[in-house]
């Protein structure tokens, strides 16, 4: 737990000490493999790595998380984030592969992300189609609803 607290503090510093994050993350994963700290740390680290354009490191954390997590929630979040990393790496087929067969509770998020992948490929009609699917499965009061609607509107 102490490592996680130090990890959180390190992530919040500016500039971020990436090497310290790597060391603390390794310690957390070794010492807490079966609890939520290792999974949460991996998600946070992947985000930091992606923000610093370290896409391979972000990808590795998210793949690790999706493989070791016994909780579907972490697996699906990892897949959503991993698809975004693959888009940043221009690996669109891998991004789409991450977004296959979502559970009902994640359908709208996966449809939205699939739309983002198609948009990055320049496939506007497929992007709009997936964003509309996302809206159809989403509550109109969801904050993401307006953002997805803006994506659609900006393509028309």
Protein backbone atom coordinates (compact mmCIF):
# COMPACT_ATOMS: atom_id res chain seq x y z
CA UNK A 1 0.00 0.00 0.00
CA UNK A 2 2.87 2.36 0.73
CA UNK A 3 4.24 1.79 -2.78
CA UNK A 4 0.83 2.67 -4.24
CA UNK A 5 0.66 5.91 -2.26
CA UNK A 6 4.14 6.85 -3.45
CA UNK A 7 3.14 5.83 -6.99
CA UNK A 8 0.11 8.15 -6.84
CA UNK A 9 2.25 11.04 -5.61
CA UNK A 10 4.83 10.42 -8.34
CA UNK A 11 2.18 10.38 -11.06
CA UNK A 12 0.89 13.77 -9.86
CA UNK A 13 4.28 15.53 -9.91
CA UNK A 14 5.37 17.76 -12.77
CA UNK A 15 7.44 16.89 -14.58
CA UNK A 16 6.58 13.23 -14.19
CA UNK A 17 9.50 10.98 -13.25
CA UNK A 18 8.88 8.13 -15.67
CA UNK A 19 11.72 5.98 -14.35
CA UNK A 20 10.38 6.23 -10.79
CA UNK A 21 6.93 5.29 -12.09
CA UNK A 22 8.40 2.22 -13.78
CA UNK A 23 10.23 1.14 -10.60
CA UNK A 24 7.21 1.66 -8.34
CA UNK A 25 4.89 -0.05 -10.80
CA UNK A 26 7.17 -3.09 -10.92
CA UNK A 27 7.20 -3.25 -7.13
CA UNK A 28 3.44 -2.91 -6.88
CA UNK A 29 2.85 -5.61 -9.48
CA UNK A 30 5.29 -7.99 -7.75
CA UNK A 31 3.91 -7.42 -4.26
CA UNK A 32 0.21 -6.99 -4.99
CA UNK A 33 -0.51 -9.17 -8.01
CA UNK A 34 -3.81 -10.43 -6.60
CA UNK A 35 -5.37 -7.18 -5.51
CA UNK A 36 -6.75 -4.07 -7.13
CA UNK A 37 -3.65 -1.96 -6.51
CA UNK A 38 -1.65 -3.67 -9.22
CA UNK A 39 -4.49 -3.38 -11.72
CA UNK A 40 -5.23 0.25 -10.91
CA UNK A 41 -1.52 1.10 -11.03
CA UNK A 42 -1.25 -0.54 -14.42
CA UNK A 43 -4.19 1.52 -15.76
CA UNK A 44 -2.71 4.73 -14.39
CA UNK A 45 0.77 3.96 -15.71
CA UNK A 46 -0.60 3.12 -19.16
CA UNK A 47 -2.29 6.51 -19.22
CA UNK A 48 0.92 8.29 -18.20
CA UNK A 49 2.90 6.39 -20.81
CA UNK A 50 0.37 7.23 -23.50
CA UNK A 51 0.44 10.91 -22.54
CA UNK A 52 4.21 10.82 -23.04
CA UNK A 53 3.91 9.05 -26.42
CA UNK A 54 5.39 5.84 -24.99
CA UNK A 55 2.83 3.73 -26.79
CA UNK A 56 4.69 0.41 -26.53
CA UNK A 57 4.87 0.74 -22.75
CA UNK A 58 1.20 1.73 -22.56
CA UNK A 59 0.31 -1.23 -24.76
CA UNK A 60 2.32 -3.64 -22.62
CA UNK A 61 0.61 -2.49 -19.42
CA UNK A 62 -2.85 -2.83 -20.93
CA UNK A 63 -2.12 -6.25 -22.39
CA UNK A 64 -0.76 -7.37 -19.01
CA UNK A 65 -3.89 -6.05 -17.31
CA UNK A 66 -6.28 -7.74 -19.70
CA UNK A 67 -4.41 -11.05 -19.25
CA UNK A 68 -4.10 -11.10 -15.45
CA UNK A 69 -7.34 -9.52 -14.41
CA UNK A 70 -9.98 -11.84 -13.02
CA UNK A 71 -12.43 -8.97 -13.00
CA UNK A 72 -14.15 -8.35 -16.31
CA UNK A 73 -14.41 -4.63 -15.55
CA UNK A 74 -10.63 -4.23 -15.70
CA UNK A 75 -10.44 -6.37 -18.83
CA UNK A 76 -12.99 -4.27 -20.71
CA UNK A 77 -11.48 -0.97 -19.61
CA UNK A 78 -8.07 -2.27 -20.69
CA UNK A 79 -9.47 -3.27 -24.10
CA UNK A 80 -11.03 0.16 -24.61
CA UNK A 81 -7.80 1.92 -23.72
CA UNK A 82 -5.69 -0.54 -25.70
CA UNK A 83 -7.75 0.17 -28.82
CA UNK A 84 -6.91 3.86 -28.39
CA UNK A 85 -3.20 3.06 -28.03
CA UNK A 86 -3.33 1.01 -31.23
CA UNK A 87 -4.98 3.94 -33.03
CA UNK A 88 -2.12 6.15 -31.90
CA UNK A 89 0.27 3.55 -33.31
CA UNK A 90 -1.74 3.45 -36.59
CA UNK A 91 -2.48 -0.25 -35.99
CA UNK A 92 -6.15 -0.03 -36.83
CA UNK A 93 -6.84 -3.75 -37.29
CA UNK A 94 -5.48 -4.45 -33.81
CA UNK A 95 -7.57 -1.59 -32.44
CA UNK A 96 -10.71 -3.08 -33.95
CA UNK A 97 -9.78 -6.54 -32.68
CA UNK A 98 -9.79 -5.16 -29.11
CA UNK A 99 -13.35 -3.97 -29.61
CA UNK A 100 -14.97 -7.27 -30.59
CA UNK A 101 -17.70 -8.94 -28.54
CA UNK A 102 -18.32 -6.45 -25.75
CA UNK A 103 -20.76 -7.28 -22.99
CA UNK A 104 -24.10 -5.49 -23.11
CA UNK A 105 -23.03 -3.00 -20.42
CA UNK A 106 -20.06 -1.86 -22.54
CA UNK A 107 -21.68 -1.93 -26.00
CA UNK A 108 -22.13 1.82 -26.36
CA UNK A 109 -18.55 2.54 -25.25
CA UNK A 110 -17.15 -0.06 -27.64
CA UNK A 111 -19.32 1.28 -30.51
CA UNK A 112 -18.04 4.78 -29.79
CA UNK A 113 -14.43 3.61 -29.80
CA UNK A 114 -15.00 1.61 -32.98
CA UNK A 115 -16.31 4.81 -34.56
CA UNK A 116 -13.13 6.58 -33.47
CA UNK A 117 -11.00 3.90 -35.12
CA UNK A 118 -12.91 4.21 -38.39
CA UNK A 119 -12.66 8.00 -38.21
CA UNK A 120 -8.87 7.72 -37.79
CA UNK A 121 -8.82 5.55 -40.91
CA UNK A 122 -10.82 8.14 -42.83
CA UNK A 123 -13.84 5.84 -43.09
CA UNK A 124 -16.44 8.45 -42.18
CA UNK A 125 -19.57 6.49 -43.03
CA UNK A 126 -18.47 3.56 -40.84
CA UNK A 127 -17.48 5.98 -38.08
CA UNK A 128 -20.87 7.67 -38.13
CA UNK A 129 -22.64 4.31 -38.26
CA UNK A 130 -20.85 3.14 -35.11
CA UNK A 131 -21.33 6.43 -33.29
CA UNK A 132 -25.07 6.22 -34.04
CA UNK A 133 -25.12 2.67 -32.67
CA UNK A 134 -23.47 4.01 -29.56
CA UNK A 135 -26.11 6.70 -29.16
CA UNK A 136 -28.91 4.16 -29.62
CA UNK A 137 -27.58 2.15 -26.67
CA UNK A 138 -26.93 5.13 -24.42
CA UNK A 139 -29.05 7.15 -22.04
CA UNK A 140 -29.62 10.64 -23.42
CA UNK A 141 -28.49 12.09 -20.07
CA UNK A 142 -25.11 10.40 -20.28
CA UNK A 143 -22.43 13.14 -20.62
CA UNK A 144 -20.83 11.16 -23.44
CA UNK A 145 -24.05 11.39 -25.47
CA UNK A 146 -23.48 15.04 -26.42
CA UNK A 147 -19.85 14.42 -27.29
CA UNK A 148 -20.73 11.58 -29.64
CA UNK A 149 -23.49 13.67 -31.19
CA UNK A 150 -20.92 16.43 -31.81
CA UNK A 151 -18.68 13.91 -33.58
CA UNK A 152 -21.55 12.94 -35.87
CA UNK A 153 -22.56 16.55 -36.49
CA UNK A 154 -19.00 17.57 -37.34
CA UNK A 155 -18.88 14.94 -40.11
CA UNK A 156 -22.04 16.16 -41.81
